[in-house]
């Protein structure tokens, strides 16, 4: 079987011409342990999910924040776990270490480091797209570029440096957070069919 080959690279100028991608599914914000337990029960039935995290950016030297948001997405629903309110509940820890669900993300080493600063969690059955896309001839490492190559759509990064510990996340923040996790799942699903 021949592995489908894609263009190897894409420029920022080429990406700028693409139409903007948008997550149109359900976004569910999780702020209690009970909500987390329900969300994990639901997510557990999916063999593959998209995964991402957000941490409040620091603009001062020596100032660091710990991970405040974890996004886990199916094809039509993304759960935003507000870790700055609930930490990492037992149900979520169990999901993160479960071998029953493949969790697909990008640049996972950073996420893993951030998660371990918040809780001692065994992480299992994760797939990092940065390594995975190489076998399809894609030489880019950023989510924005990989997504543009595969779907000819642009992921905007306008919300990345916003306050992820705010009492209430704005709609643009929620959509941005959901899009990143969902895009990881979409990339994997497309390449996995190739």
Protein backbone atom coordinates (compact mmCIF):
# COMPACT_ATOMS: atom_id res chain seq x y z
CA UNK A 1 0.00 0.00 0.00
CA UNK A 2 1.40 3.37 -1.00
CA UNK A 3 1.46 6.00 1.73
CA UNK A 4 -0.21 9.19 0.53
CA UNK A 5 2.35 11.97 0.18
CA UNK A 6 1.51 15.59 0.95
CA UNK A 7 3.38 18.79 0.25
CA UNK A 8 6.37 18.99 2.58
CA UNK A 9 6.21 22.61 3.68
CA UNK A 10 4.07 25.71 3.49
CA UNK A 11 4.99 29.37 3.97
CA UNK A 12 3.36 31.90 6.26
CA UNK A 13 2.40 33.87 3.15
CA UNK A 14 0.58 30.85 1.71
CA UNK A 15 -1.23 30.27 5.01
CA UNK A 16 -2.28 33.93 5.19
CA UNK A 17 -4.29 33.46 1.97
CA UNK A 18 -6.32 30.56 3.37
CA UNK A 19 -9.79 30.91 4.87
CA UNK A 20 -10.00 30.62 8.66
CA UNK A 21 -10.99 27.30 10.22
CA UNK A 22 -13.56 27.31 12.97
CA UNK A 23 -14.69 24.70 15.47
CA UNK A 24 -18.45 24.41 15.04
CA UNK A 25 -19.10 21.62 17.52
CA UNK A 26 -20.25 21.73 21.15
CA UNK A 27 -17.91 23.27 23.71
CA UNK A 28 -18.52 22.17 27.29
CA UNK A 29 -16.65 23.92 30.10
CA UNK A 30 -15.89 21.73 33.13
CA UNK A 31 -15.60 23.51 36.49
CA UNK A 32 -16.47 20.82 39.06
CA UNK A 33 -15.26 17.32 39.88
CA UNK A 34 -18.77 15.96 39.17
CA UNK A 35 -18.80 17.55 35.71
CA UNK A 36 -15.31 16.12 35.10
CA UNK A 37 -16.49 12.61 36.06
CA UNK A 38 -19.42 12.85 33.61
CA UNK A 39 -17.21 14.20 30.83
CA UNK A 40 -14.66 11.42 31.30
CA UNK A 41 -17.43 8.77 31.27
CA UNK A 42 -18.53 10.17 27.91
CA UNK A 43 -15.00 10.53 26.47
CA UNK A 44 -14.11 6.97 27.50
CA UNK A 45 -16.28 5.51 24.72
CA UNK A 46 -14.15 7.14 21.99
CA UNK A 47 -11.11 5.15 20.83
CA UNK A 48 -9.30 8.34 19.68
CA UNK A 49 -9.58 11.92 21.01
CA UNK A 50 -7.77 15.19 20.34
CA UNK A 51 -5.76 16.69 23.19
CA UNK A 52 -4.24 20.05 24.09
CA UNK A 53 -3.54 22.26 27.11
CA UNK A 54 -3.27 25.98 27.82
CA UNK A 55 -1.26 27.83 30.46
CA UNK A 56 -1.61 31.47 31.38
CA UNK A 57 1.24 33.32 29.65
CA UNK A 58 3.83 35.07 31.73
CA UNK A 59 5.18 38.42 30.67
CA UNK A 60 7.61 38.88 33.57
CA UNK A 61 10.99 37.25 33.93
CA UNK A 62 10.93 34.54 36.60
CA UNK A 63 7.13 34.44 36.74
CA UNK A 64 5.59 31.09 35.83
CA UNK A 65 2.05 29.73 35.90
CA UNK A 66 0.92 26.15 36.00
CA UNK A 67 -1.37 24.59 33.44
CA UNK A 68 -4.89 26.02 33.70
CA UNK A 69 -6.85 24.33 30.93
CA UNK A 70 -6.96 20.87 29.37
CA UNK A 71 -8.92 20.34 26.18
CA UNK A 72 -10.10 16.90 25.08
CA UNK A 73 -12.11 16.68 21.88
CA UNK A 74 -14.19 14.21 19.90
CA UNK A 75 -15.22 15.02 16.34
CA UNK A 76 -18.17 17.13 17.47
CA UNK A 77 -17.66 17.96 21.16
CA UNK A 78 -14.75 19.51 23.06
CA UNK A 79 -14.50 19.51 26.84
CA UNK A 80 -12.53 22.33 28.46
CA UNK A 81 -11.34 21.18 31.88
CA UNK A 82 -10.63 24.26 34.04
CA UNK A 83 -7.73 22.78 35.97
CA UNK A 84 -7.13 26.04 37.84
CA UNK A 85 -10.48 25.33 39.58
CA UNK A 86 -10.54 21.53 39.90
CA UNK A 87 -6.93 20.39 39.59
CA UNK A 88 -6.75 17.00 37.86
CA UNK A 89 -9.55 14.88 39.37
CA UNK A 90 -9.09 11.12 39.77
CA UNK A 91 -11.39 10.34 36.83
CA UNK A 92 -9.31 12.55 34.53
CA UNK A 93 -6.05 11.03 35.83
CA UNK A 94 -7.44 7.57 35.02
CA UNK A 95 -8.36 8.70 31.52
CA UNK A 96 -4.89 10.16 30.92
CA UNK A 97 -3.23 6.89 31.92
CA UNK A 98 -5.74 4.61 30.16
CA UNK A 99 -4.57 2.50 27.23
CA UNK A 100 -8.16 2.23 25.93
CA UNK A 101 -8.16 5.71 24.39
CA UNK A 102 -5.53 7.13 22.06
CA UNK A 103 -4.90 10.79 22.90
CA UNK A 104 -3.57 12.77 19.94
CA UNK A 105 -1.75 16.04 20.48
CA UNK A 106 1.15 18.10 19.22
CA UNK A 107 4.43 18.94 20.95
CA UNK A 108 3.34 16.74 23.84
CA UNK A 109 6.59 16.99 25.77
CA UNK A 110 5.63 20.54 26.76
CA UNK A 111 2.13 19.41 27.78
CA UNK A 112 3.49 16.49 29.78
CA UNK A 113 5.91 18.75 31.65
CA UNK A 114 3.09 21.18 32.41
CA UNK A 115 0.75 18.41 33.62
CA UNK A 116 3.41 16.95 35.93
CA UNK A 117 3.87 20.35 37.60
CA UNK A 118 0.21 20.21 38.62
CA UNK A 119 -0.12 16.53 39.56
CA UNK A 120 1.77 13.28 39.58
CA UNK A 121 0.02 11.56 36.68
CA UNK A 122 1.09 8.55 34.67
CA UNK A 123 0.45 9.39 31.02
CA UNK A 124 -0.17 6.59 28.57
CA UNK A 125 -1.27 6.00 24.97
CA UNK A 126 -0.50 9.48 23.60
CA UNK A 127 0.51 10.14 19.99
CA UNK A 128 2.53 13.24 19.08
CA UNK A 129 1.64 14.53 15.61
CA UNK A 130 5.04 16.21 15.24
CA UNK A 131 6.60 12.75 14.90
CA UNK A 132 3.64 11.08 13.19
CA UNK A 133 3.36 13.44 10.18
CA UNK A 134 6.97 12.73 9.07
CA UNK A 135 6.00 9.37 7.59
CA UNK A 136 3.63 11.22 5.26
CA UNK A 137 6.40 13.50 4.00
CA UNK A 138 5.25 16.54 5.98
CA UNK A 139 8.26 18.42 7.32
CA UNK A 140 6.40 21.06 9.32
CA UNK A 141 6.09 20.86 13.11
CA UNK A 142 3.49 23.53 13.94
CA UNK A 143 -0.20 22.69 14.18
CA UNK A 144 -1.02 25.71 12.04
CA UNK A 145 1.23 24.59 9.19
CA UNK A 146 0.33 20.89 9.31
CA UNK A 147 -3.37 21.76 9.31
CA UNK A 148 -2.94 24.18 6.41
CA UNK A 149 -1.14 21.53 4.35
CA UNK A 150 -3.83 18.92 4.92
CA UNK A 151 -7.03 20.98 4.94
CA UNK A 152 -6.12 24.25 3.17
CA UNK A 153 -7.54 26.18 6.13
CA UNK A 154 -5.88 28.60 8.54
CA UNK A 155 -5.86 28.22 12.31
CA UNK A 156 -5.49 31.64 13.92
CA UNK A 157 -3.41 32.02 17.07
CA UNK A 158 -4.92 35.31 18.26
CA UNK A 159 -6.09 33.97 21.64
CA UNK A 160 -2.95 32.07 22.57
CA UNK A 161 -1.49 34.71 24.89
CA UNK A 162 -4.73 35.52 26.72
CA UNK A 163 -5.42 34.86 30.41
CA UNK A 164 -6.42 31.19 30.69
CA UNK A 165 -7.08 31.64 34.43
CA UNK A 166 -9.80 34.27 33.94
CA UNK A 167 -12.99 33.64 35.94
CA UNK A 168 -14.92 33.21 32.73
CA UNK A 169 -13.35 32.29 29.43
CA UNK A 170 -14.50 34.41 26.49
CA UNK A 171 -16.17 32.84 23.46
CA UNK A 172 -13.05 33.46 21.31
CA UNK A 173 -10.90 31.79 24.00
CA UNK A 174 -13.20 28.75 24.12
CA UNK A 175 -13.29 28.43 20.34
CA UNK A 176 -9.51 28.77 20.09
CA UNK A 177 -8.92 26.16 22.82
CA UNK A 178 -11.43 23.72 21.33
CA UNK A 179 -10.07 24.17 17.81
CA UNK A 180 -6.54 23.13 18.72
CA UNK A 181 -7.59 19.81 20.32
CA UNK A 182 -10.15 19.10 17.58
CA UNK A 183 -7.62 19.92 14.82
CA UNK A 184 -5.20 17.33 16.27
CA UNK A 185 -7.93 14.68 16.05
CA UNK A 186 -8.86 15.73 12.50
CA UNK A 187 -5.25 15.54 11.32
CA UNK A 188 -4.82 12.08 12.82
CA UNK A 189 -8.09 10.77 11.36
CA UNK A 190 -7.21 12.01 7.88
CA UNK A 191 -3.68 10.59 7.91
CA UNK A 192 -4.85 7.33 9.45
CA UNK A 193 -7.13 6.73 6.46
CA UNK A 194 -4.30 7.38 4.00
